[in-house]
Amino acid sequence: MIATRTHGGTALRVDDRADLCAVHLRRIADRVDDLLAESTVADFDLATLLTQVPAPVTALHLDARRVLVHQQSAAVIIEAEATILAIHTAAEAYRQAEQGISETFGGLLDFFGYVTGRAFALSLPVLIPVGVAVAATASATVTLLDVTGLDTVIAQHFGIDLSQTAAAVKEDLIRLAFENSDATGAVIEHVLPGFVLGFMGLPPTLLDIDADHLLWPHDSGSMTAWVLAGASMFGLLLPSDVEVWRAAGITPAATQPPRDIDELYVREAGRHRGVDSGQVRIEEIASPDGSTRYIVYIPATTDWSPEPGPNTTDLTTNVQGMAGNDTVMREMVRQAIADAGIGSEEVMLVGYSQGGITAGSLAADPEFLADVNVTALVSVGAPISDFAIDESVEVLSIEHEQDLVPDLDGNENPATDKWSTITVDYDPQALRSAPNLVDMTDAEFDAKFASAGAAHSSAAYTASIALMARAGHPDLRRFTDRNSGFFSGDLKDTKDYQGKRKRH
């Protein structure tokens, strides 16, 4: 089986587990207290008191035992209360210590970014002419080699292909960022905001202010907002309205509900693969318990152009969604749900990459949750830790360790009883036996997974999830068991929706 690790769900952290134990102990203590109160009231029942008259000695012995029971029960309750307090205190101390370490490390990265940014700003009078000179020389050299054919001579005599070398360097840099995605995420969350603040000459104390604002960059979210503000000056990444309509599905509708997470994700991948603009699909399921449930599949990115066009699954939707803003894809989901006639029935949101961002942001939107009863969410390869997803929603997140995209928000997903994150150690060769890859030739396989960003590909996630499902991964089983109504019964109807950005 491929290597995985899980946090949240059955793999709660020690402090979370301690708090849960304290909560269960509190319930037991409260129940004992209630029983004592009930027995005390029963002691003064008139019928009970009258039975003691014919046998006063026995009654005295019985009363003594009652007093002893109350005394010992009270001692047990006091001991339980002290234990509960101690458990909560220990859990909080653990959190504070961990938070202190995290904040210290984050503060060091903030300061490093600030100092680097300040040094860069002060060095600009020197760096600009040097940079211009170097760039001009490099450009002239490349042009000269190309015009004179010397690049071909170098390749023939020295075996150095300059264009391939440049491409290899670029690929190596991308691979470095992806294979060290946690470090890259930390750079985005701490070093980059510090650099910008230092470059602007603002005081470094601003990085320590914990506030939800966009006045200056202090984390990945505010950096995204600044990117949006800068891009909008050039007419890029601009928000817009959307037109939504019923459409023929990209893939044929299934005949049964998904049996497991494997089938669920295969259907999700079909919402964007091989098309210019993705579709939202809604499956209506008649569950064995007699209720109706809906699965909403949200597509991933299909267009990386920063200029907003008719495509709803583009880079603009990505960046706007990461900034926490409303997007055309969020509106597509809302309109699709309204058209499908979904009322108070349970809904599961499913999304990969951009689809996961959209699903996570909707599950954190009180207005949306007031109208839609979202009870479950599956995200794959998506950065959603910054979204305050409602605690009533059961969340399963699946991420490749070497996938940079889920780390773009700079944080780990919360680890709670209702939010499990499975991190898979991405190894292309370990995926070779997956159902979607077994028919590939070695050449096709190598070409598909040669790039550094292949860890984020839908094909790689399809393979990983299939292998985990085949091995009976406990966290996948746990999610499907707790949400069995979505994975059983009859599939009554399937609706597909297409959208298009409106031009202003």
Protein backbone atom coordinates (compact mmCIF):
# COMPACT_ATOMS: atom_id res chain seq x y z
CA MET A 1 0.00 0.00 0.00
CA ILE A 2 1.19 3.55 -0.68
CA ALA A 3 2.44 5.41 2.38
CA THR A 4 -0.03 7.77 4.03
CA ARG A 5 -0.47 9.67 7.27
CA THR A 6 -3.61 11.17 8.72
CA HIS A 7 -4.37 13.93 11.14
CA GLY A 8 -7.84 14.59 12.46
CA GLY A 9 -10.63 12.03 12.61
CA THR A 10 -9.36 8.79 14.11
CA ALA A 11 -5.87 10.32 14.29
CA LEU A 12 -6.63 13.25 16.55
CA ARG A 13 -3.73 15.06 18.16
CA VAL A 14 -2.97 14.28 21.81
CA ASP A 15 -4.48 17.56 23.05
CA ASP A 16 -7.70 17.06 21.08
CA ARG A 17 -8.01 13.49 22.35
CA ALA A 18 -7.42 14.68 25.91
CA ASP A 19 -10.20 17.24 25.57
CA LEU A 20 -12.57 14.59 24.17
CA CYS A 21 -11.78 12.31 27.14
CA ALA A 22 -12.54 15.19 29.48
CA VAL A 23 -15.86 15.80 27.75
CA HIS A 24 -16.85 12.13 28.09
CA LEU A 25 -15.80 12.14 31.76
CA ARG A 26 -17.92 15.26 32.27
CA ARG A 27 -20.95 13.42 30.90
CA ILE A 28 -20.35 10.53 33.31
CA ALA A 29 -19.94 12.89 36.27
CA ASP A 30 -23.12 14.76 35.34
CA ARG A 31 -25.02 11.46 35.10
CA VAL A 32 -23.79 10.35 38.53
CA ASP A 33 -24.82 13.73 39.95
CA ASP A 34 -28.30 13.35 38.43
CA LEU A 35 -28.66 9.85 39.89
CA LEU A 36 -27.70 11.14 43.35
CA ALA A 37 -30.28 13.89 43.10
CA GLU A 38 -32.94 11.39 42.06
CA SER A 39 -32.04 9.03 44.93
CA THR A 40 -32.14 11.88 47.46
CA VAL A 41 -35.65 12.80 46.36
CA ALA A 42 -36.64 9.13 46.53
CA ASP A 43 -35.36 8.89 50.13
CA PHE A 44 -38.14 11.23 51.25
CA ASP A 45 -40.90 9.44 49.39
CA LEU A 46 -43.88 9.00 51.73
CA ALA A 47 -44.36 5.30 50.92
CA THR A 48 -40.69 4.62 51.63
CA LEU A 49 -40.81 6.42 54.98
CA LEU A 50 -43.91 4.47 56.07
CA THR A 51 -42.19 1.11 55.40
CA GLN A 52 -39.52 2.05 57.97
CA VAL A 53 -41.98 2.31 60.87
CA PRO A 54 -42.39 -1.47 61.55
CA ALA A 55 -38.59 -2.03 61.47
CA PRO A 56 -36.82 1.02 62.92
CA VAL A 57 -33.48 -0.76 63.48
CA THR A 58 -33.33 -1.93 59.88
CA ALA A 59 -34.32 1.55 58.80
CA LEU A 60 -31.39 3.04 60.76
CA HIS A 61 -28.95 0.61 59.11
CA LEU A 62 -30.43 1.48 55.71
CA ASP A 63 -30.10 5.21 56.37
CA ALA A 64 -26.46 4.74 57.39
CA ARG A 65 -25.76 2.94 54.13
CA ARG A 66 -27.53 5.70 52.21
CA VAL A 67 -25.37 8.34 53.86
CA LEU A 68 -22.26 6.31 53.03
CA VAL A 69 -23.34 5.99 49.39
CA HIS A 70 -23.90 9.75 49.15
CA GLN A 71 -20.55 10.51 50.77
CA GLN A 72 -18.61 8.17 48.49
CA SER A 73 -20.52 9.36 45.41
CA ALA A 74 -19.77 12.97 46.31
CA ALA A 75 -16.09 12.08 46.66
CA VAL A 76 -16.16 10.40 43.23
CA ILE A 77 -17.75 13.48 41.67
CA ILE A 78 -15.17 15.80 43.28
CA GLU A 79 -12.36 13.55 42.04
CA ALA A 80 -13.89 13.47 38.56
CA GLU A 81 -14.17 17.27 38.52
CA ALA A 82 -10.53 17.59 39.56
CA THR A 83 -9.51 15.11 36.83
CA ILE A 84 -11.52 16.97 34.20
CA LEU A 85 -9.87 20.24 35.21
CA ALA A 86 -6.42 18.62 35.12
CA ILE A 87 -7.02 17.11 31.65
CA HIS A 88 -8.22 20.41 30.19
CA THR A 89 -5.30 22.23 31.81
CA ALA A 90 -2.76 19.75 30.42
CA ALA A 91 -4.32 19.94 26.93
CA GLU A 92 -4.24 23.74 27.00
CA ALA A 93 -0.62 23.73 28.21
CA TYR A 94 0.27 21.40 25.31
CA ARG A 95 -1.43 23.77 22.85
CA GLN A 96 0.25 26.84 24.30
CA ALA A 97 3.67 25.18 24.12
CA GLU A 98 3.07 24.06 20.53
CA GLN A 99 1.70 27.47 19.59
CA GLY A 100 4.70 29.14 21.20
CA ILE A 101 7.08 27.04 19.12
CA SER A 102 5.04 27.71 15.98
CA GLU A 103 4.84 31.44 16.63
CA THR A 104 8.57 31.63 17.39
CA PHE A 105 9.45 29.84 14.15
CA GLY A 106 6.92 31.91 12.20
CA GLY A 107 8.30 35.09 13.78
CA LEU A 108 11.82 34.18 12.69
CA LEU A 109 10.63 33.65 9.12
CA ASP A 110 8.72 36.96 9.24
CA PHE A 111 11.85 38.75 10.42
CA PHE A 112 14.02 37.05 7.80
CA GLY A 113 11.61 38.14 5.07
CA TYR A 114 11.48 41.69 6.45
CA VAL A 115 15.28 42.04 6.64
CA THR A 116 15.65 40.62 3.12
CA GLY A 117 13.02 42.99 1.75
CA ARG A 118 14.57 45.98 3.48
CA ALA A 119 18.04 45.08 2.22
CA PHE A 120 16.68 44.63 -1.30
CA ALA A 121 14.96 48.04 -1.20
CA LEU A 122 18.11 49.80 0.07
CA SER A 123 20.20 48.04 -2.58
CA LEU A 124 18.01 49.04 -5.52
CA PRO A 125 20.25 51.97 -6.58
CA VAL A 126 23.00 49.39 -7.11
CA LEU A 127 20.89 46.40 -8.16
CA ILE A 128 18.92 48.17 -10.90
CA PRO A 129 21.90 49.18 -13.08
CA VAL A 130 23.61 45.85 -12.42
CA GLY A 131 20.41 43.97 -13.29
CA VAL A 132 19.90 45.99 -16.47
CA ALA A 133 23.49 45.37 -17.51
CA VAL A 134 23.30 41.64 -16.83
CA ALA A 135 19.92 41.29 -18.59
CA ALA A 136 21.12 43.27 -21.60
CA THR A 137 24.30 41.20 -21.85
CA ALA A 138 22.38 37.92 -21.51
CA SER A 139 19.82 38.99 -24.12
CA ALA A 140 22.52 40.09 -26.54
CA THR A 141 24.45 36.85 -26.02
CA VAL A 142 21.37 34.67 -26.66
CA THR A 143 20.52 36.69 -29.79
CA LEU A 144 24.10 36.45 -31.06
CA LEU A 145 24.24 32.68 -30.51
CA ASP A 146 20.93 32.21 -32.28
CA VAL A 147 21.77 34.43 -35.27
CA THR A 148 25.28 33.07 -35.80
CA GLY A 149 24.33 29.46 -35.12
CA LEU A 150 26.91 29.19 -32.37
CA ASP A 151 24.33 27.52 -30.10
CA THR A 152 24.23 24.61 -32.56
CA VAL A 153 28.04 24.49 -32.62
CA ILE A 154 28.14 24.41 -28.81
CA ALA A 155 25.59 21.60 -28.76
CA GLN A 156 27.51 19.55 -31.34
CA HIS A 157 31.00 19.99 -29.90
CA PHE A 158 30.32 20.25 -26.17
CA GLY A 159 27.00 18.39 -25.88
CA ILE A 160 25.34 21.40 -24.25
CA ASP A 161 21.91 22.35 -25.57
CA LEU A 162 21.34 25.83 -24.13
CA SER A 163 17.56 25.79 -24.59
CA GLN A 164 17.26 22.37 -22.94
CA THR A 165 19.56 23.50 -20.13
CA ALA A 166 17.38 26.54 -19.47
CA ALA A 167 14.25 24.36 -19.51
CA ALA A 168 15.91 21.86 -17.15
CA VAL A 169 16.85 24.64 -14.70
CA LYS A 170 13.27 25.90 -14.73
CA GLU A 171 11.92 22.37 -14.16
CA ASP A 172 14.38 21.81 -11.30
CA LEU A 173 13.23 25.00 -9.59
CA ILE A 174 9.59 23.93 -9.92
CA ARG A 175 10.45 20.47 -8.65
CA LEU A 176 12.27 21.98 -5.65
CA ALA A 177 9.19 24.02 -4.76
CA PHE A 178 6.81 21.06 -5.11
CA GLU A 179 8.95 18.44 -3.38
CA ASN A 180 9.46 20.82 -0.44
CA SER A 181 5.88 22.04 -0.42
CA ASP A 182 5.74 22.57 3.36
CA ALA A 183 8.76 24.88 3.21
CA THR A 184 7.30 26.67 0.18
CA GLY A 185 4.05 27.15 2.08
CA ALA A 186 5.96 28.66 5.01
CA VAL A 187 7.72 31.05 2.61
CA ILE A 188 4.34 32.15 1.21
CA GLU A 189 2.79 32.55 4.67
CA HIS A 190 5.70 34.31 6.40
CA VAL A 191 8.76 35.21 4.31
CA LEU A 192 6.91 36.81 1.39
CA PRO A 193 4.67 39.12 3.51
CA GLY A 194 7.73 40.10 5.57
CA PHE A 195 9.69 40.83 2.38
CA VAL A 196 6.92 43.07 1.01
CA LEU A 197 6.58 44.92 4.32
CA GLY A 198 10.36 45.44 4.50
CA PHE A 199 10.52 46.56 0.88
CA MET A 200 7.79 49.13 1.55
CA GLY A 201 9.65 50.41 4.61
CA LEU A 202 6.75 49.80 7.02
CA PRO A 203 7.59 48.97 10.65
CA PRO A 204 8.14 45.23 11.31
CA THR A 205 5.80 45.36 14.33
CA LEU A 206 2.89 45.31 11.88
CA LEU A 207 3.63 41.64 11.22
CA ASP A 208 2.80 40.83 14.87
CA ILE A 209 -0.66 42.41 14.79
CA ASP A 210 -3.24 39.64 14.61
CA ALA A 211 -6.05 41.25 12.66
CA ASP A 212 -8.31 40.24 9.82
CA HIS A 213 -7.58 43.05 7.39
CA LEU A 214 -5.94 43.73 4.06
CA LEU A 215 -4.24 47.07 4.82
CA TRP A 216 -0.78 45.53 4.66
CA PRO A 217 0.46 42.02 3.82
CA HIS A 218 0.82 39.78 6.87
CA ASP A 219 -0.16 36.29 5.67
CA SER A 220 -1.04 34.33 2.54
CA GLY A 221 -4.62 35.64 2.46
CA SER A 222 -3.62 39.30 2.55
CA MET A 223 -0.87 38.64 -0.01
CA THR A 224 -3.50 37.18 -2.34
CA ALA A 225 -5.66 40.27 -1.86
CA TRP A 226 -2.68 42.49 -2.73
CA VAL A 227 -2.04 40.43 -5.86
CA LEU A 228 -5.68 40.95 -6.85
CA ALA A 229 -5.43 44.68 -6.24
CA GLY A 230 -2.29 44.94 -8.37
CA ALA A 231 -3.69 42.75 -11.16
CA SER A 232 -6.95 44.74 -11.32
CA MET A 233 -4.95 47.85 -12.29
CA PHE A 234 -4.05 46.03 -15.51
CA GLY A 235 -7.53 44.61 -16.12
CA LEU A 236 -6.57 41.14 -14.88
CA LEU A 237 -8.26 38.75 -12.39
CA LEU A 238 -11.38 40.93 -12.28
CA PRO A 239 -14.65 39.60 -10.80
CA SER A 240 -17.77 39.37 -12.96
CA ASP A 241 -21.28 37.99 -13.11
CA VAL A 242 -22.15 34.58 -14.54
CA GLU A 243 -24.83 33.05 -16.71
CA VAL A 244 -25.80 29.45 -15.78
CA TRP A 245 -27.88 26.89 -17.70
CA ARG A 246 -28.68 23.18 -17.80
CA ALA A 247 -26.35 21.36 -20.20
CA ALA A 248 -25.54 17.93 -21.56
CA GLY A 249 -23.02 16.28 -19.27
CA ILE A 250 -19.34 16.06 -20.18
CA THR A 251 -19.51 12.39 -19.18
CA PRO A 252 -22.53 10.06 -19.15
CA ALA A 253 -24.58 9.97 -15.97
CA ALA A 254 -24.00 7.04 -13.61
CA THR A 255 -26.74 4.55 -12.84
CA GLN A 256 -25.97 4.04 -9.14
CA PRO A 257 -24.63 6.16 -6.28
CA PRO A 258 -20.84 6.05 -5.81
CA ARG A 259 -19.85 2.99 -3.76
CA ASP A 260 -16.79 4.62 -2.18
CA ILE A 261 -14.41 7.59 -2.31
CA ASP A 262 -12.71 6.06 -5.36
CA GLU A 263 -15.86 6.22 -7.48
CA LEU A 264 -16.75 9.59 -5.98
CA TYR A 265 -13.47 11.11 -7.12
CA VAL A 266 -13.60 9.55 -10.58
CA ARG A 267 -16.93 11.33 -11.07
CA GLU A 268 -15.43 14.57 -9.75
CA ALA A 269 -12.48 14.36 -12.15
CA GLY A 270 -14.92 14.02 -15.03
CA ARG A 271 -16.29 17.50 -14.38
CA HIS A 272 -13.27 19.28 -15.88
CA ARG A 273 -11.02 16.80 -17.67
CA GLY A 274 -10.49 17.53 -21.36
CA VAL A 275 -12.79 20.56 -21.63
CA ASP A 276 -12.38 24.33 -21.90
CA SER A 277 -14.76 25.11 -19.04
CA GLY A 278 -15.86 22.76 -16.28
CA GLN A 279 -19.38 21.77 -15.26
CA VAL A 280 -21.23 21.38 -11.98
CA ARG A 281 -23.00 18.04 -11.61
CA ILE A 282 -25.71 17.24 -9.06
CA GLU A 283 -26.73 13.67 -8.26
CA GLU A 284 -30.02 13.02 -6.47
CA ILE A 285 -29.90 9.90 -4.29
CA ALA A 286 -32.81 8.06 -2.68
CA SER A 287 -31.16 6.70 0.47
CA PRO A 288 -32.14 3.41 2.16
CA ASP A 289 -33.53 5.33 5.15
CA GLY A 290 -36.18 6.87 2.88
CA SER A 291 -34.62 10.33 2.71
CA THR A 292 -33.22 12.14 -0.32
CA ARG A 293 -29.62 13.35 -0.47
CA TYR A 294 -27.61 15.26 -3.06
CA ILE A 295 -23.96 15.15 -4.15
CA VAL A 296 -22.65 18.34 -5.78
CA TYR A 297 -19.48 17.90 -7.89
CA ILE A 298 -17.52 21.14 -8.47
CA PRO A 299 -14.95 21.33 -11.33
CA ALA A 300 -11.26 22.27 -11.18
CA THR A 301 -9.22 24.79 -13.17
CA THR A 302 -9.19 24.47 -16.95
CA ASP A 303 -7.78 27.88 -17.99
CA TRP A 304 -4.66 29.54 -16.54
CA SER A 305 -4.96 32.88 -18.34
CA PRO A 306 -5.03 35.84 -15.90
CA GLU A 307 -7.36 37.74 -18.23
CA PRO A 308 -11.00 37.00 -17.37
CA GLY A 309 -12.84 35.45 -20.30
CA PRO A 310 -16.05 33.44 -20.68
CA ASN A 311 -14.49 30.46 -18.88
CA THR A 312 -15.73 30.07 -15.27
CA THR A 313 -12.98 27.64 -14.21
CA ASP A 314 -10.06 29.97 -14.82
CA LEU A 315 -7.20 31.58 -12.88
CA THR A 316 -9.44 34.48 -11.82
CA THR A 317 -11.77 32.08 -10.00
CA ASN A 318 -8.72 30.53 -8.30
CA VAL A 319 -7.23 33.75 -6.97
CA GLN A 320 -10.57 35.36 -6.06
CA GLY A 321 -11.54 32.18 -4.21
CA MET A 322 -8.23 31.99 -2.32
CA ALA A 323 -8.73 35.61 -1.24
CA GLY A 324 -12.07 34.64 0.27
CA ASN A 325 -14.11 36.61 -2.28
CA ASP A 326 -17.24 35.50 -4.04
CA THR A 327 -16.58 33.90 -7.44
CA VAL A 328 -18.47 32.95 -10.56
CA MET A 329 -18.07 29.29 -9.60
CA ARG A 330 -19.62 29.86 -6.17
CA GLU A 331 -22.54 31.53 -7.94
CA MET A 332 -22.75 28.63 -10.41
CA VAL A 333 -23.09 26.19 -7.51
CA ARG A 334 -25.74 28.35 -5.83
CA GLN A 335 -27.80 28.64 -9.02
CA ALA A 336 -27.42 24.93 -9.81
CA ILE A 337 -28.62 23.96 -6.33
CA ALA A 338 -31.58 26.34 -6.62
CA ASP A 339 -32.51 24.96 -10.07
CA ALA A 340 -32.26 21.37 -8.78
CA GLY A 341 -34.87 22.20 -6.15
CA ILE A 342 -32.72 21.24 -3.18
CA GLY A 343 -34.35 22.25 0.09
CA SER A 344 -33.50 20.95 3.56
CA GLU A 345 -32.07 17.65 2.26
CA GLU A 346 -28.50 16.70 3.16
CA VAL A 347 -25.86 17.81 0.65
CA MET A 348 -22.28 16.63 0.08
CA LEU A 349 -19.88 19.00 -1.72
CA VAL A 350 -17.00 17.42 -3.69
CA GLY A 351 -14.14 19.37 -5.23
CA TYR A 352 -10.61 18.92 -6.56
CA SER A 353 -8.16 21.86 -6.63
CA GLN A 354 -10.25 24.91 -7.57
CA GLY A 355 -13.36 22.82 -6.93
CA GLY A 356 -12.13 22.15 -3.40
CA ILE A 357 -11.50 25.86 -2.82
CA THR A 358 -15.06 26.62 -3.94
CA ALA A 359 -16.51 23.82 -1.79
CA GLY A 360 -14.52 24.89 1.28
CA SER A 361 -15.46 28.55 0.96
CA LEU A 362 -19.16 27.70 0.56
CA ALA A 363 -19.05 25.40 3.60
CA ALA A 364 -17.70 28.38 5.58
CA ASP A 365 -20.36 30.82 4.33
CA PRO A 366 -23.18 31.26 6.92
CA GLU A 367 -25.57 32.66 4.31
CA PHE A 368 -25.05 29.65 2.03
CA LEU A 369 -25.41 27.20 4.93
CA ALA A 370 -28.63 28.91 6.00
CA ASP A 371 -30.14 27.84 2.66
CA VAL A 372 -28.25 24.58 1.96
CA ASN A 373 -27.90 21.72 4.47
CA VAL A 374 -24.27 20.79 3.80
CA THR A 375 -23.36 17.81 6.00
CA ALA A 376 -20.27 16.45 4.21
CA LEU A 377 -17.38 17.74 2.10
CA VAL A 378 -14.60 15.98 0.20
CA SER A 379 -11.64 18.09 -0.98
CA VAL A 380 -8.71 16.77 -3.01
CA GLY A 381 -5.49 18.71 -3.61
CA ALA A 382 -7.03 21.97 -2.39
CA PRO A 383 -5.80 24.71 0.00
CA ILE A 384 -8.78 25.15 2.32
CA SER A 385 -7.26 25.52 5.81
CA ASP A 386 -8.01 29.26 5.89
CA PHE A 387 -11.76 28.65 5.57
CA ALA A 388 -13.67 28.45 8.85
CA ILE A 389 -15.77 25.48 7.71
CA ASP A 390 -18.81 24.98 9.92
CA GLU A 391 -18.23 22.41 12.66
CA SER A 392 -21.38 20.50 11.65
CA VAL A 393 -19.80 19.52 8.29
CA GLU A 394 -17.89 16.21 8.06
CA VAL A 395 -14.73 16.97 6.05
CA LEU A 396 -12.32 14.60 4.31
CA SER A 397 -9.25 16.17 2.67
CA ILE A 398 -6.77 14.19 0.55
CA GLU A 399 -3.39 15.71 -0.33
CA HIS A 400 -0.13 14.53 -1.85
CA GLU A 401 2.86 15.34 0.36
CA GLN A 402 4.75 16.65 -2.69
CA ASP A 403 1.82 18.72 -4.01
CA LEU A 404 2.44 22.44 -3.53
CA VAL A 405 -1.15 23.54 -4.19
CA PRO A 406 -2.68 22.42 -0.84
CA ASP A 407 0.15 24.30 0.93
CA LEU A 408 -0.46 27.60 -0.85
CA ASP A 409 -2.43 28.86 2.16
CA GLY A 410 0.61 28.25 4.39
CA ASN A 411 -1.23 26.24 7.04
CA GLU A 412 -2.29 22.69 7.86
CA ASN A 413 -5.96 21.78 7.94
CA PRO A 414 -7.52 21.72 11.42
CA ALA A 415 -7.34 18.32 13.12
CA THR A 416 -10.75 17.59 14.64
CA ASP A 417 -13.03 14.61 15.05
CA LYS A 418 -15.01 15.75 11.98
CA TRP A 419 -12.13 16.90 9.76
CA SER A 420 -9.66 14.24 8.59
CA THR A 421 -6.73 15.00 6.29
CA ILE A 422 -4.98 12.10 4.56
CA THR A 423 -1.51 13.02 3.28
CA VAL A 424 -0.15 10.61 0.67
CA ASP A 425 3.57 10.22 -0.02
CA TYR A 426 3.53 10.73 -3.77
CA ASP A 427 5.71 8.20 -5.59
CA PRO A 428 4.87 7.69 -9.29
CA GLN A 429 6.25 4.14 -9.33
CA ALA A 430 4.08 3.19 -6.36
CA LEU A 431 1.06 4.25 -8.41
CA ARG A 432 1.97 2.05 -11.38
CA SER A 433 -0.54 -0.66 -10.43
CA ALA A 434 -3.50 1.74 -10.12
CA PRO A 435 -6.49 0.88 -12.37
CA ASN A 436 -6.25 4.12 -14.37
CA LEU A 437 -2.55 3.56 -15.13
CA VAL A 438 -2.09 -0.18 -15.72
CA ASP A 439 -2.77 0.05 -19.45
CA MET A 440 -0.17 2.77 -20.04
CA THR A 441 3.08 1.98 -21.76
CA ASP A 442 6.27 2.88 -19.92
CA ALA A 443 6.81 5.79 -22.30
CA GLU A 444 3.27 7.12 -21.74
CA PHE A 445 3.63 6.70 -17.99
CA ASP A 446 6.97 8.51 -17.85
CA ALA A 447 5.68 11.34 -20.02
CA LYS A 448 2.59 11.82 -17.84
CA PHE A 449 4.47 11.93 -14.55
CA ALA A 450 7.80 13.43 -15.63
CA SER A 451 6.92 17.02 -14.75
CA ALA A 452 7.53 18.42 -11.27
CA GLY A 453 3.87 19.41 -10.94
CA ALA A 454 2.56 15.91 -11.65
CA ALA A 455 1.88 15.42 -7.93
CA HIS A 456 -1.06 17.80 -8.37
CA SER A 457 -2.44 16.10 -11.47
CA SER A 458 -5.91 14.62 -11.41
CA ALA A 459 -4.51 11.36 -12.81
CA ALA A 460 -2.11 11.04 -9.86
CA TYR A 461 -4.87 11.64 -7.34
CA THR A 462 -7.14 9.17 -9.14
CA ALA A 463 -4.40 6.54 -8.80
CA SER A 464 -3.65 7.28 -5.15
CA ILE A 465 -7.29 7.21 -4.10
CA ALA A 466 -7.92 3.98 -6.03
CA LEU A 467 -4.99 2.26 -4.31
CA MET A 468 -6.10 3.49 -0.88
CA ALA A 469 -9.65 2.30 -1.51
CA ARG A 470 -8.42 -1.10 -2.76
CA ALA A 471 -6.36 -1.50 0.45
CA GLY A 472 -9.35 -0.59 2.63
CA HIS A 473 -7.83 2.58 4.03
CA PRO A 474 -9.47 3.05 7.47
CA ASP A 475 -10.04 6.79 7.12
CA LEU A 476 -11.79 6.37 3.77
CA ARG A 477 -14.00 3.66 5.29
CA ARG A 478 -14.71 5.83 8.31
CA PHE A 479 -15.92 8.70 6.14
CA THR A 480 -18.14 6.52 3.96
CA ASP A 481 -19.57 4.74 7.03
CA ARG A 482 -20.42 8.02 8.72
CA ASN A 483 -21.99 9.33 5.50
CA SER A 484 -23.42 6.05 4.21
CA GLY A 485 -26.60 7.69 2.92
CA PHE A 486 -24.61 9.22 0.05
CA PHE A 487 -23.02 5.89 -0.92
CA SER A 488 -26.07 3.62 -1.00
CA GLY A 489 -29.64 3.51 -2.23
CA ASP A 490 -30.77 4.52 -5.73
CA LEU A 491 -29.56 7.26 -8.03
CA LYS A 492 -32.81 8.99 -9.04
CA ASP A 493 -31.56 11.84 -11.23
CA THR A 494 -28.45 13.62 -12.51
CA LYS A 495 -28.30 17.26 -13.60
CA ASP A 496 -25.36 19.07 -15.23
CA TYR A 497 -24.82 22.83 -15.36
CA GLN A 498 -22.61 25.00 -17.55
CA GLY A 499 -21.69 28.63 -16.93
CA LYS A 500 -20.23 31.60 -18.77
CA ARG A 501 -18.80 34.87 -17.48
CA LYS A 502 -20.83 37.93 -18.41
CA ARG A 503 -18.99 40.81 -20.02
CA HIS A 504 -19.38 44.15 -18.23
